[in-house]
PDB file of N, CA and C in Angstrom:
ATOM      1  N   MET A   1      61.907   3.595  23.779  1.00  0.00           N
ATOM      2  CA  MET A   1      61.876   3.929  22.711  1.00  0.00           C
ATOM      3  C   MET A   1      62.897   4.978  22.299  1.00  0.00           C
ATOM      4  N   VAL A   2      63.776   4.914  21.430  1.00  0.00           N
ATOM      5  CA  VAL A   2      64.970   5.633  20.987  1.00  0.00           C
ATOM      6  C   VAL A   2      65.018   5.924  19.497  1.00  0.00           C
ATOM      7  N   LYS A   3      65.168   7.063  19.134  1.00  0.00           N
ATOM      8  CA  LYS A   3      65.112   7.706  17.792  1.00  0.00           C
ATOM      9  C   LYS A   3      66.811   8.151  17.427  1.00  0.00           C
ATOM     10  N   VAL A   4      66.990   7.606  16.235  1.00  0.00           N
ATOM     11  CA  VAL A   4      68.548   7.996  15.610  1.00  0.00           C
ATOM     12  C   VAL A   4      68.427   8.604  14.395  1.00  0.00           C
ATOM     13  N   THR A   5      68.637   9.900  14.149  1.00  0.00           N
ATOM     14  CA  THR A   5      68.228  10.581  12.723  1.00  0.00           C
ATOM     15  C   THR A   5      69.657  10.558  12.095  1.00  0.00           C
ATOM     16  N   THR A   6      69.201  10.588  10.510  1.00  0.00           N
ATOM     17  CA  THR A   6      70.248  10.748   9.787  1.00  0.00           C
ATOM     18  C   THR A   6      69.923  11.183   8.407  1.00  0.00           C
ATOM     19  N   GLY A   7      70.521  11.436   7.392  1.00  0.00           N
ATOM     20  CA  GLY A   7      69.640  12.177   6.262  1.00  0.00           C
ATOM     21  C   GLY A   7      70.789  12.471   5.302  1.00  0.00           C
ATOM     22  N   GLU A   8      70.528  13.357   4.290  1.00  0.00           N
ATOM     23  CA  GLU A   8      71.596  13.961   3.322  1.00  0.00           C
ATOM     24  C   GLU A   8      72.598  14.663   4.213  1.00  0.00           C
ATOM     25  N   LYS A   9      73.729  13.860   4.210  1.00  0.00           N
ATOM     26  CA  LYS A   9      74.932  14.541   4.869  1.00  0.00           C
ATOM     27  C   LYS A   9      74.706  14.803   6.438  1.00  0.00           C
ATOM     28  N   GLY A  10      73.703  14.349   6.929  1.00  0.00           N
ATOM     29  CA  GLY A  10      73.397  14.455   8.285  1.00  0.00           C
ATOM     30  C   GLY A  10      72.623  15.608   8.583  1.00  0.00           C
ATOM     31  N   PHE A  11      72.223  16.464   7.602  1.00  0.00           N
ATOM     32  CA  PHE A  11      71.392  17.698   7.730  1.00  0.00           C
ATOM     33  C   PHE A  11      69.730  17.571   7.705  1.00  0.00           C
ATOM     34  N   ALA A  12      69.386  16.723   6.560  1.00  0.00           N
ATOM     35  CA  ALA A  12      68.018  16.468   6.272  1.00  0.00           C
ATOM     36  C   ALA A  12      67.328  16.051   7.587  1.00  0.00           C
ATOM     37  N   LYS A  13      67.992  14.855   8.242  1.00  0.00           N
ATOM     38  CA  LYS A  13      67.059  14.413   9.238  1.00  0.00           C
ATOM     39  C   LYS A  13      65.785  13.626   8.880  1.00  0.00           C
ATOM     40  N   ASN A  14      65.658  13.205   7.578  1.00  0.00           N
ATOM     41  CA  ASN A  14      64.578  12.632   7.057  1.00  0.00           C
ATOM     42  C   ASN A  14      64.515  11.165   6.941  1.00  0.00           C
ATOM     43  N   LYS A  15      65.859  10.605   7.423  1.00  0.00           N
ATOM     44  CA  LYS A  15      66.113   9.218   7.563  1.00  0.00           C
ATOM     45  C   LYS A  15      66.658   8.693   9.092  1.00  0.00           C
ATOM     46  N   GLY A  16      66.602   7.595   9.231  1.00  0.00           N
ATOM     47  CA  GLY A  16      66.776   7.341  10.426  1.00  0.00           C
ATOM     48  C   GLY A  16      66.356   5.909  11.235  1.00  0.00           C
ATOM     49  N   THR A  17      66.400   5.736  12.486  1.00  0.00           N
ATOM     50  CA  THR A  17      65.878   4.667  13.223  1.00  0.00           C
ATOM     51  C   THR A  17      65.151   4.874  14.368  1.00  0.00           C
ATOM     52  N   VAL A  18      64.287   4.002  14.630  1.00  0.00           N
ATOM     53  CA  VAL A  18      63.333   4.147  15.649  1.00  0.00           C
ATOM     54  C   VAL A  18      63.725   2.785  16.221  1.00  0.00           C
ATOM     55  N   ALA A  19      64.123   2.641  17.728  1.00  0.00           N
ATOM     56  CA  ALA A  19      64.228   1.297  18.092  1.00  0.00           C
ATOM     57  C   ALA A  19      63.514   1.015  19.596  1.00  0.00           C
ATOM     58  N   LEU A  20      63.093   0.000  19.700  1.00  0.00           N
ATOM     59  CA  LEU A  20      62.159  -0.381  20.785  1.00  0.00           C
ATOM     60  C   LEU A  20      63.056  -1.811  21.366  1.00  0.00           C
ATOM     61  N   ARG A  21      63.109  -1.784  22.770  1.00  0.00           N
ATOM     62  CA  ARG A  21      63.686  -2.867  23.488  1.00  0.00           C
ATOM     63  C   ARG A  21      62.730  -3.576  24.801  1.00  0.00           C
ATOM     64  N   PHE A  22      62.627  -4.591  24.688  1.00  0.00           N
ATOM     65  CA  PHE A  22      61.918  -5.189  26.179  1.00  0.00           C
ATOM     66  C   PHE A  22      62.415  -6.579  26.368  1.00  0.00           C
ATOM     67  N   LYS A  23      61.822  -6.919  27.568  1.00  0.00           N
ATOM     68  CA  LYS A  23      62.358  -8.186  28.123  1.00  0.00           C
ATOM     69  C   LYS A  23      61.138  -9.191  28.162  1.00  0.00           C
ATOM     70  N   VAL A  24      61.180 -10.311  27.680  1.00  0.00           N
ATOM     71  CA  VAL A  24      59.819 -11.227  27.738  1.00  0.00           C
ATOM     72  C   VAL A  24      60.641 -12.543  28.602  1.00  0.00           C
ATOM     73  N   ASN A  25      60.042 -12.767  29.833  1.00  0.00           N
ATOM     74  CA  ASN A  25      60.606 -13.688  30.535  1.00  0.00           C
ATOM     75  C   ASN A  25      62.092 -13.438  30.968  1.00  0.00           C
ATOM     76  N   ASP A  26      63.057 -14.334  30.491  1.00  0.00           N
ATOM     77  CA  ASP A  26      64.342 -14.145  30.820  1.00  0.00           C
ATOM     78  C   ASP A  26      65.133 -13.733  29.453  1.00  0.00           C
ATOM     79  N   SER A  27      64.376 -13.460  28.329  1.00  0.00           N
ATOM     80  CA  SER A  27      64.942 -13.072  27.094  1.00  0.00           C
ATOM     81  C   SER A  27      64.947 -11.489  26.794  1.00  0.00           C
ATOM     82  N   THR A  28      65.849 -10.839  26.070  1.00  0.00           N
ATOM     83  CA  THR A  28      65.689  -9.364  25.879  1.00  0.00           C
ATOM     84  C   THR A  28      65.833  -9.394  24.265  1.00  0.00           C
ATOM     85  N   LEU A  29      64.970  -8.571  23.727  1.00  0.00           N
ATOM     86  CA  LEU A  29      64.435  -8.521  22.395  1.00  0.00           C
ATOM     87  C   LEU A  29      64.720  -7.004  21.977  1.00  0.00           C
ATOM     88  N   ALA A  30      65.216  -6.677  20.943  1.00  0.00           N
ATOM     89  CA  ALA A  30      65.321  -5.412  20.324  1.00  0.00           C
ATOM     90  C   ALA A  30      64.792  -5.425  18.837  1.00  0.00           C
ATOM     91  N   PHE A  31      64.070  -4.336  18.618  1.00  0.00           N
ATOM     92  CA  PHE A  31      63.298  -4.187  17.477  1.00  0.00           C
ATOM     93  C   PHE A  31      64.233  -2.695  16.928  1.00  0.00           C
ATOM     94  N   ILE A  32      64.610  -2.978  15.760  1.00  0.00           N
ATOM     95  CA  ILE A  32      64.995  -1.546  15.175  1.00  0.00           C
ATOM     96  C   ILE A  32      64.491  -1.571  13.771  1.00  0.00           C
ATOM     97  N   ASN A  33      63.722  -0.333  13.564  1.00  0.00           N
ATOM     98  CA  ASN A  33      63.115  -0.093  12.139  1.00  0.00           C
ATOM     99  C   ASN A  33      63.798   1.047  11.501  1.00  0.00           C
ATOM    100  N   VAL A  34      64.430   0.780  10.506  1.00  0.00           N
ATOM    101  CA  VAL A  34      65.427   1.946   9.880  1.00  0.00           C
ATOM    102  C   VAL A  34      64.943   2.300   8.550  1.00  0.00           C
ATOM    103  N   HIS A  35      64.970   3.715   8.254  1.00  0.00           N
ATOM    104  CA  HIS A  35      64.886   4.041   6.690  1.00  0.00           C
ATOM    105  C   HIS A  35      65.976   4.941   6.433  1.00  0.00           C
ATOM    106  N   MET A  36      66.695   4.221   5.620  1.00  0.00           N
ATOM    107  CA  MET A  36      68.138   4.472   4.767  1.00  0.00           C
ATOM    108  C   MET A  36      68.052   5.364   3.671  1.00  0.00           C
ATOM    109  N   GLN A  37      69.021   6.252   3.344  1.00  0.00           N
ATOM    110  CA  GLN A  37      69.115   6.890   1.828  1.00  0.00           C
ATOM    111  C   GLN A  37      69.070   5.841   0.857  1.00  0.00           C
ATOM    112  N   LYS A  38      68.473   6.219  -0.444  1.00  0.00           N
ATOM    113  CA  LYS A  38      68.527   5.706  -1.408  1.00  0.00           C
ATOM    114  C   LYS A  38      69.883   5.783  -2.084  1.00  0.00           C
ATOM    115  N   GLY A  39      70.129   4.988  -3.051  1.00  0.00           N
ATOM    116  CA  GLY A  39      71.329   5.212  -3.888  1.00  0.00           C
ATOM    117  C   GLY A  39      71.949   3.769  -4.507  1.00  0.00           C
ATOM    118  N   ASN A  40      72.362   3.831  -5.641  1.00  0.00           N
ATOM    119  CA  ASN A  40      72.807   2.593  -6.247  1.00  0.00           C
ATOM    120  C   ASN A  40      74.162   2.567  -5.867  1.00  0.00           C
ATOM    121  N   GLY A  41      74.975   1.511  -5.975  1.00  0.00           N
ATOM    122  CA  GLY A  41      76.427   1.277  -5.876  1.00  0.00           C
ATOM    123  C   GLY A  41      77.207   1.854  -4.643  1.00  0.00           C
ATOM    124  N   LYS A  42      76.490   1.719  -3.686  1.00  0.00           N
ATOM    125  CA  LYS A  42      76.999   2.309  -2.387  1.00  0.00           C
ATOM    126  C   LYS A  42      76.772   1.454  -1.320  1.00  0.00           C
ATOM    127  N   ILE A  43      77.050   0.158  -1.631  1.00  0.00           N
ATOM    128  CA  ILE A  43      77.061  -0.792  -0.381  1.00  0.00           C
ATOM    129  C   ILE A  43      77.874  -0.690   0.498  1.00  0.00           C
ATOM    130  N   PRO A  44      79.078  -0.414   0.533  1.00  0.00           N
ATOM    131  CA  PRO A  44      80.074  -0.376   1.679  1.00  0.00           C
ATOM    132  C   PRO A  44      79.332   0.969   2.467  1.00  0.00           C
ATOM    133  N   GLN A  45      79.029   1.835   1.966  1.00  0.00           N
ATOM    134  CA  GLN A  45      78.672   3.060   2.581  1.00  0.00           C
ATOM    135  C   GLN A  45      77.211   2.773   3.431  1.00  0.00           C
ATOM    136  N   ARG A  46      76.422   2.255   2.768  1.00  0.00           N
ATOM    137  CA  ARG A  46      74.968   1.361   3.307  1.00  0.00           C
ATOM    138  C   ARG A  46      75.325   0.628   4.450  1.00  0.00           C
ATOM    139  N   ASN A  47      76.247  -0.321   4.096  1.00  0.00           N
ATOM    140  CA  ASN A  47      76.537  -1.059   5.295  1.00  0.00           C
ATOM    141  C   ASN A  47      77.042  -0.501   6.425  1.00  0.00           C
ATOM    142  N   ALA A  48      78.049   0.468   6.356  1.00  0.00           N
ATOM    143  CA  ALA A  48      78.516   1.378   7.386  1.00  0.00           C
ATOM    144  C   ALA A  48      77.562   2.137   8.062  1.00  0.00           C
ATOM    145  N   GLN A  49      76.454   2.782   7.616  1.00  0.00           N
ATOM    146  CA  GLN A  49      75.475   3.658   7.856  1.00  0.00           C
ATOM    147  C   GLN A  49      74.544   2.521   8.627  1.00  0.00           C
ATOM    148  N   LEU A  50      74.216   1.368   8.176  1.00  0.00           N
ATOM    149  CA  LEU A  50      73.170   0.419   8.635  1.00  0.00           C
ATOM    150  C   LEU A  50      74.095  -0.172  10.281  1.00  0.00           C
ATOM    151  N   LYS A  51      75.424  -0.090  10.195  1.00  0.00           N
ATOM    152  CA  LYS A  51      76.033  -0.572  11.445  1.00  0.00           C
ATOM    153  C   LYS A  51      76.108   0.632  12.487  1.00  0.00           C
ATOM    154  N   MET A  52      76.202   1.772  11.922  1.00  0.00           N
ATOM    155  CA  MET A  52      76.087   3.164  12.820  1.00  0.00           C
ATOM    156  C   MET A  52      74.775   2.878  13.302  1.00  0.00           C
ATOM    157  N   LEU A  53      73.796   2.836  12.527  1.00  0.00           N
ATOM    158  CA  LEU A  53      72.433   3.176  13.204  1.00  0.00           C
ATOM    159  C   LEU A  53      72.044   2.169  14.405  1.00  0.00           C
ATOM    160  N   ILE A  54      72.644   1.116  14.154  1.00  0.00           N
ATOM    161  CA  ILE A  54      72.407  -0.277  14.928  1.00  0.00           C
ATOM    162  C   ILE A  54      73.093   0.133  16.420  1.00  0.00           C
ATOM    163  N   ASP A  55      74.384   0.519  16.047  1.00  0.00           N
ATOM    164  CA  ASP A  55      75.317   0.846  17.186  1.00  0.00           C
ATOM    165  C   ASP A  55      74.919   2.134  18.028  1.00  0.00           C
ATOM    166  N   ASP A  56      74.050   2.945  17.319  1.00  0.00           N
ATOM    167  CA  ASP A  56      73.644   4.149  18.375  1.00  0.00           C
ATOM    168  C   ASP A  56      72.239   4.021  18.627  1.00  0.00           C
ATOM    169  N   ALA A  57      71.496   2.917  18.327  1.00  0.00           N
ATOM    170  CA  ALA A  57      69.989   2.750  18.813  1.00  0.00           C
ATOM    171  C   ALA A  57      70.053   2.965  20.169  1.00  0.00           C
ATOM    172  N   PHE A  58      70.815   2.481  20.862  1.00  0.00           N
ATOM    173  CA  PHE A  58      70.371   2.715  22.589  1.00  0.00           C
ATOM    174  C   PHE A  58      71.490   3.309  23.040  1.00  0.00           C
ATOM    175  N   GLU A  59      72.471   3.916  22.317  1.00  0.00           N
ATOM    176  CA  GLU A  59      73.451   4.576  23.005  1.00  0.00           C
ATOM    177  C   GLU A  59      73.244   5.668  23.943  1.00  0.00           C
ATOM    178  N   SER A  60      72.225   6.323  23.557  1.00  0.00           N
ATOM    179  CA  SER A  60      71.792   7.598  24.353  1.00  0.00           C
ATOM    180  C   SER A  60      71.204   7.498  25.535  1.00  0.00           C
ATOM    181  N   VAL A  61      70.832   6.142  26.029  1.00  0.00           N
ATOM    182  CA  VAL A  61      70.069   5.989  27.150  1.00  0.00           C
ATOM    183  C   VAL A  61      71.108   5.244  28.095  1.00  0.00           C
ATOM    184  N   LYS A  62      71.234   5.941  29.136  1.00  0.00           N
ATOM    185  CA  LYS A  62      72.072   4.946  30.047  1.00  0.00           C
ATOM    186  C   LYS A  62      71.584   4.039  30.842  1.00  0.00           C
ATOM    187  N   GLY A  63      72.299   2.711  31.030  1.00  0.00           N
ATOM    188  CA  GLY A  63      71.780   1.809  31.649  1.00  0.00           C
ATOM    189  C   GLY A  63      70.985   0.670  30.662  1.00  0.00           C
ATOM    190  N   ILE A  64      70.836   1.052  29.216  1.00  0.00           N
ATOM    191  CA  ILE A  64      70.382   0.037  28.506  1.00  0.00           C
ATOM    192  C   ILE A  64      71.494  -0.453  27.600  1.00  0.00           C
ATOM    193  N   SER A  65      71.396  -1.765  27.423  1.00  0.00           N
ATOM    194  CA  SER A  65      72.293  -2.503  26.622  1.00  0.00           C
ATOM    195  C   SER A  65      72.298  -2.051  25.115  1.00  0.00           C
ATOM    196  N   ARG A  66      73.306  -2.241  24.768  1.00  0.00           N
ATOM    197  CA  ARG A  66      73.496  -2.014  23.077  1.00  0.00           C
ATOM    198  C   ARG A  66      72.574  -2.972  22.481  1.00  0.00           C
ATOM    199  N   ALA A  67      72.157  -2.727  21.169  1.00  0.00           N
ATOM    200  CA  ALA A  67      71.483  -3.541  20.536  1.00  0.00           C
ATOM    201  C   ALA A  67      71.850  -4.843  20.277  1.00  0.00           C
ATOM    202  N   PHE A  68      73.247  -5.205  20.067  1.00  0.00           N
ATOM    203  CA  PHE A  68      73.906  -6.319  19.947  1.00  0.00           C
ATOM    204  C   PHE A  68      74.112  -7.251  21.169  1.00  0.00           C
ATOM    205  N   ASP A  69      73.802  -6.600  22.253  1.00  0.00           N
ATOM    206  CA  ASP A  69      73.756  -7.423  23.206  1.00  0.00           C
ATOM    207  C   ASP A  69      72.725  -7.882  23.811  1.00  0.00           C
ATOM    208  N   HIS A  70      71.383  -7.888  22.983  1.00  0.00           N
ATOM    209  CA  HIS A  70      70.349  -8.604  23.405  1.00  0.00           C
ATOM    210  C   HIS A  70      70.180 -10.080  22.947  1.00  0.00           C
ATOM    211  N   ASN A  71      69.442 -10.760  23.509  1.00  0.00           N
ATOM    212  CA  ASN A  71      69.248 -11.972  22.980  1.00  0.00           C
ATOM    213  C   ASN A  71      68.982 -12.243  21.542  1.00  0.00           C
ATOM    214  N   PHE A  72      67.720 -11.224  21.199  1.00  0.00           N
ATOM    215  CA  PHE A  72      67.197 -11.381  19.895  1.00  0.00           C
ATOM    216  C   PHE A  72      67.133 -10.129  19.527  1.00  0.00           C
ATOM    217  N   MET A  73      67.581  -9.734  18.044  1.00  0.00           N
ATOM    218  CA  MET A  73      67.711  -8.403  17.546  1.00  0.00           C
ATOM    219  C   MET A  73      66.940  -8.533  16.072  1.00  0.00           C
ATOM    220  N   PHE A  74      65.818  -7.700  15.802  1.00  0.00           N
ATOM    221  CA  PHE A  74      65.351  -7.713  14.600  1.00  0.00           C
ATOM    222  C   PHE A  74      65.576  -6.259  13.915  1.00  0.00           C
ATOM    223  N   VAL A  75      65.860  -6.506  12.755  1.00  0.00           N
ATOM    224  CA  VAL A  75      66.254  -5.059  11.803  1.00  0.00           C
ATOM    225  C   VAL A  75      65.153  -5.190  10.931  1.00  0.00           C
ATOM    226  N   LEU A  76      64.391  -4.103  10.871  1.00  0.00           N
ATOM    227  CA  LEU A  76      63.362  -4.186   9.575  1.00  0.00           C
ATOM    228  C   LEU A  76      63.081  -2.703   9.021  1.00  0.00           C
ATOM    229  N   GLY A  77      62.703  -2.579   7.913  1.00  0.00           N
ATOM    230  CA  GLY A  77      62.174  -0.998   7.357  1.00  0.00           C
ATOM    231  C   GLY A  77      62.932  -1.256   5.934  1.00  0.00           C
ATOM    232  N   ASP A  78      62.852   0.176   5.622  1.00  0.00           N
ATOM    233  CA  ASP A  78      63.529   0.395   4.237  1.00  0.00           C
ATOM    234  C   ASP A  78      64.969   0.521   4.216  1.00  0.00           C
ATOM    235  N   LEU A  79      65.581  -0.482   3.974  1.00  0.00           N
ATOM    236  CA  LEU A  79      67.109  -0.512   3.969  1.00  0.00           C
ATOM    237  C   LEU A  79      67.754   0.173   2.924  1.00  0.00           C
ATOM    238  N   ASN A  80      66.733   0.371   1.606  1.00  0.00           N
ATOM    239  CA  ASN A  80      67.098   0.794   0.604  1.00  0.00           C
ATOM    240  C   ASN A  80      68.387   0.547  -0.367  1.00  0.00           C
ATOM    241  N   PHE A  81      68.690  -1.130  -0.216  1.00  0.00           N
ATOM    242  CA  PHE A  81      69.504  -1.696  -0.803  1.00  0.00           C
ATOM    243  C   PHE A  81      68.877  -1.886  -2.274  1.00  0.00           C
ATOM    244  N   ARG A  82      69.676  -1.986  -3.309  1.00  0.00           N
ATOM    245  CA  ARG A  82      69.125  -2.207  -4.663  1.00  0.00           C
ATOM    246  C   ARG A  82      69.744  -3.592  -5.140  1.00  0.00           C
ATOM    247  N   VAL A  83      68.683  -4.443  -5.892  1.00  0.00           N
ATOM    248  CA  VAL A  83      68.869  -5.621  -6.698  1.00  0.00           C
ATOM    249  C   VAL A  83      69.514  -5.349  -7.956  1.00  0.00           C
ATOM    250  N   ALA A  84      70.696  -5.671  -8.387  1.00  0.00           N
ATOM    251  CA  ALA A  84      71.478  -5.437  -9.263  1.00  0.00           C
ATOM    252  C   ALA A  84      71.169  -6.437 -10.579  1.00  0.00           C
ATOM    253  N   ARG A  85      69.736  -6.546 -10.918  1.00  0.00           N
ATOM    254  CA  ARG A  85      69.291  -7.465 -11.923  1.00  0.00           C
ATOM    255  C   ARG A  85      68.149  -7.090 -12.282  1.00  0.00           C
ATOM    256  N   ASP A  86      67.871  -7.263 -13.491  1.00  0.00           N
ATOM    257  CA  ASP A  86      66.652  -6.889 -14.164  1.00  0.00           C
ATOM    258  C   ASP A  86      65.340  -7.621 -13.431  1.00  0.00           C
ATOM    259  N   ASN A  87      64.175  -7.136 -13.612  1.00  0.00           N
ATOM    260  CA  ASN A  87      62.925  -7.484 -12.987  1.00  0.00           C
ATOM    261  C   ASN A  87      62.718  -8.949 -13.081  1.00  0.00           C
ATOM    262  N   LYS A  88      62.766  -9.427 -14.491  1.00  0.00           N
ATOM    263  CA  LYS A  88      62.342 -10.768 -14.767  1.00  0.00           C
ATOM    264  C   LYS A  88      63.245 -11.704 -13.877  1.00  0.00           C
ATOM    265  N   SER A  89      64.509 -11.587 -14.139  1.00  0.00           N
ATOM    266  CA  SER A  89      65.451 -12.612 -13.354  1.00  0.00           C
ATOM    267  C   SER A  89      65.393 -12.232 -12.041  1.00  0.00           C
ATOM    268  N   ALA A  90      65.283 -11.225 -11.406  1.00  0.00           N
ATOM    269  CA  ALA A  90      65.294 -11.018  -9.842  1.00  0.00           C
ATOM    270  C   ALA A  90      63.818 -11.838  -9.453  1.00  0.00           C
ATOM    271  N   ARG A  91      62.774 -11.819 -10.137  1.00  0.00           N
ATOM    272  CA  ARG A  91      61.651 -12.505  -9.701  1.00  0.00           C
ATOM    273  C   ARG A  91      61.853 -13.822  -9.999  1.00  0.00           C
ATOM    274  N   LYS A  92      62.798 -14.332 -10.759  1.00  0.00           N
ATOM    275  CA  LYS A  92      62.760 -15.926 -10.993  1.00  0.00           C
ATOM    276  C   LYS A  92      63.417 -16.461  -9.719  1.00  0.00           C
TER     277      LYS A  92
END
Protein backbone atom coordinates (compact mmCIF):
# COMPACT_ATOMS: atom_id res chain seq x y z
CA MET A 1 0.00 0.00 0.00
CA VAL A 2 1.25 3.47 -0.90
CA LYS A 3 0.09 6.92 0.25
CA VAL A 4 0.46 10.10 -1.80
CA THR A 5 -0.48 13.28 0.05
CA THR A 6 -1.62 16.59 -1.32
CA GLY A 7 -3.76 19.44 -0.05
CA GLU A 8 -4.03 23.19 -0.09
CA LYS A 9 -0.90 24.20 -2.04
CA GLY A 10 0.70 20.93 -0.92
CA PHE A 11 0.86 21.98 2.74
CA ALA A 12 -2.37 20.76 4.35
CA LYS A 13 -1.83 17.09 3.42
CA ASN A 14 -5.51 16.42 4.12
CA LYS A 15 -6.11 15.14 0.59
CA GLY A 16 -4.37 12.52 -1.45
CA THR A 17 -4.30 8.89 -2.46
CA VAL A 18 -4.10 5.44 -1.01
CA ALA A 19 -3.15 2.80 -3.56
CA LEU A 20 -3.08 -0.95 -3.38
CA ARG A 21 -1.92 -3.42 -5.98
CA PHE A 22 -1.93 -7.19 -6.21
CA LYS A 23 -1.80 -10.07 -8.65
CA VAL A 24 -4.56 -12.62 -9.23
CA ASN A 25 -3.43 -15.54 -11.39
CA ASP A 26 -1.75 -13.79 -14.33
CA SER A 27 -3.50 -10.42 -13.96
CA THR A 28 -2.24 -7.40 -12.05
CA LEU A 29 -4.76 -5.06 -10.43
CA ALA A 30 -4.29 -1.56 -9.05
CA PHE A 31 -6.88 0.11 -6.80
CA ILE A 32 -6.42 3.82 -6.25
CA ASN A 33 -8.64 5.70 -3.80
CA VAL A 34 -8.37 9.48 -4.12
CA HIS A 35 -9.63 12.43 -2.11
CA MET A 36 -9.13 15.58 -4.14
CA GLN A 37 -9.56 19.26 -3.34
CA LYS A 38 -12.95 20.84 -3.91
CA GLY A 39 -13.60 23.76 -6.19
CA ASN A 40 -15.81 24.74 -9.10
CA GLY A 41 -14.51 25.50 -12.56
CA LYS A 42 -11.05 24.00 -12.07
CA ILE A 43 -11.42 21.02 -14.39
CA PRO A 44 -7.99 21.31 -16.10
CA GLN A 45 -6.26 21.63 -12.70
CA ARG A 46 -8.29 18.76 -11.24
CA ASN A 47 -7.47 16.53 -14.25
CA ALA A 48 -3.76 17.36 -13.85
CA GLN A 49 -3.94 16.62 -10.11
CA LEU A 50 -5.68 13.29 -10.74
CA LYS A 51 -3.03 12.32 -13.32
CA MET A 52 -0.26 13.29 -10.86
CA LEU A 53 -1.86 11.20 -8.08
CA ILE A 54 -2.16 8.17 -10.37
CA ASP A 55 1.39 8.63 -11.73
CA ASP A 56 2.85 8.94 -8.21
CA ALA A 57 0.81 6.11 -6.66
CA PHE A 58 3.55 3.45 -6.90
CA GLU A 59 6.48 5.68 -7.84
CA SER A 60 8.13 5.60 -4.39
CA VAL A 61 8.38 1.80 -4.23
CA LYS A 62 11.24 0.34 -6.25
CA GLY A 63 10.38 -2.67 -8.36
CA ILE A 64 6.64 -1.97 -8.43
CA SER A 65 5.01 -1.15 -11.74
CA ARG A 66 3.37 2.21 -12.29
CA ALA A 67 -0.42 2.27 -11.98
CA PHE A 68 -0.96 2.51 -15.74
CA ASP A 69 1.20 -0.61 -16.27
CA HIS A 70 -1.30 -2.93 -14.54
CA ASN A 71 -3.80 -5.06 -16.45
CA PHE A 72 -6.69 -3.43 -14.57
CA MET A 73 -6.79 -0.10 -12.76
CA PHE A 74 -9.69 1.15 -10.65
CA VAL A 75 -9.87 4.77 -9.52
CA LEU A 76 -12.39 5.38 -6.74
CA GLY A 77 -13.10 7.97 -4.09
CA ASP A 78 -14.02 11.63 -3.80
CA LEU A 79 -12.86 13.22 -7.03
CA ASN A 80 -14.73 16.43 -6.10
CA PHE A 81 -15.74 17.13 -9.69
CA ARG A 82 -18.83 19.32 -9.87
CA VAL A 83 -21.85 18.88 -12.11
CA ALA A 84 -22.65 22.19 -13.83
CA ARG A 85 -26.42 21.65 -13.75
CA ASP A 86 -29.25 22.29 -11.39
CA ASN A 87 -30.42 19.41 -9.21
CA LYS A 88 -33.56 18.62 -11.23
CA SER A 89 -31.89 18.39 -14.65
CA ALA A 90 -28.93 16.45 -13.24
CA ARG A 91 -31.24 13.82 -11.76
CA LYS A 92 -33.19 13.54 -15.01
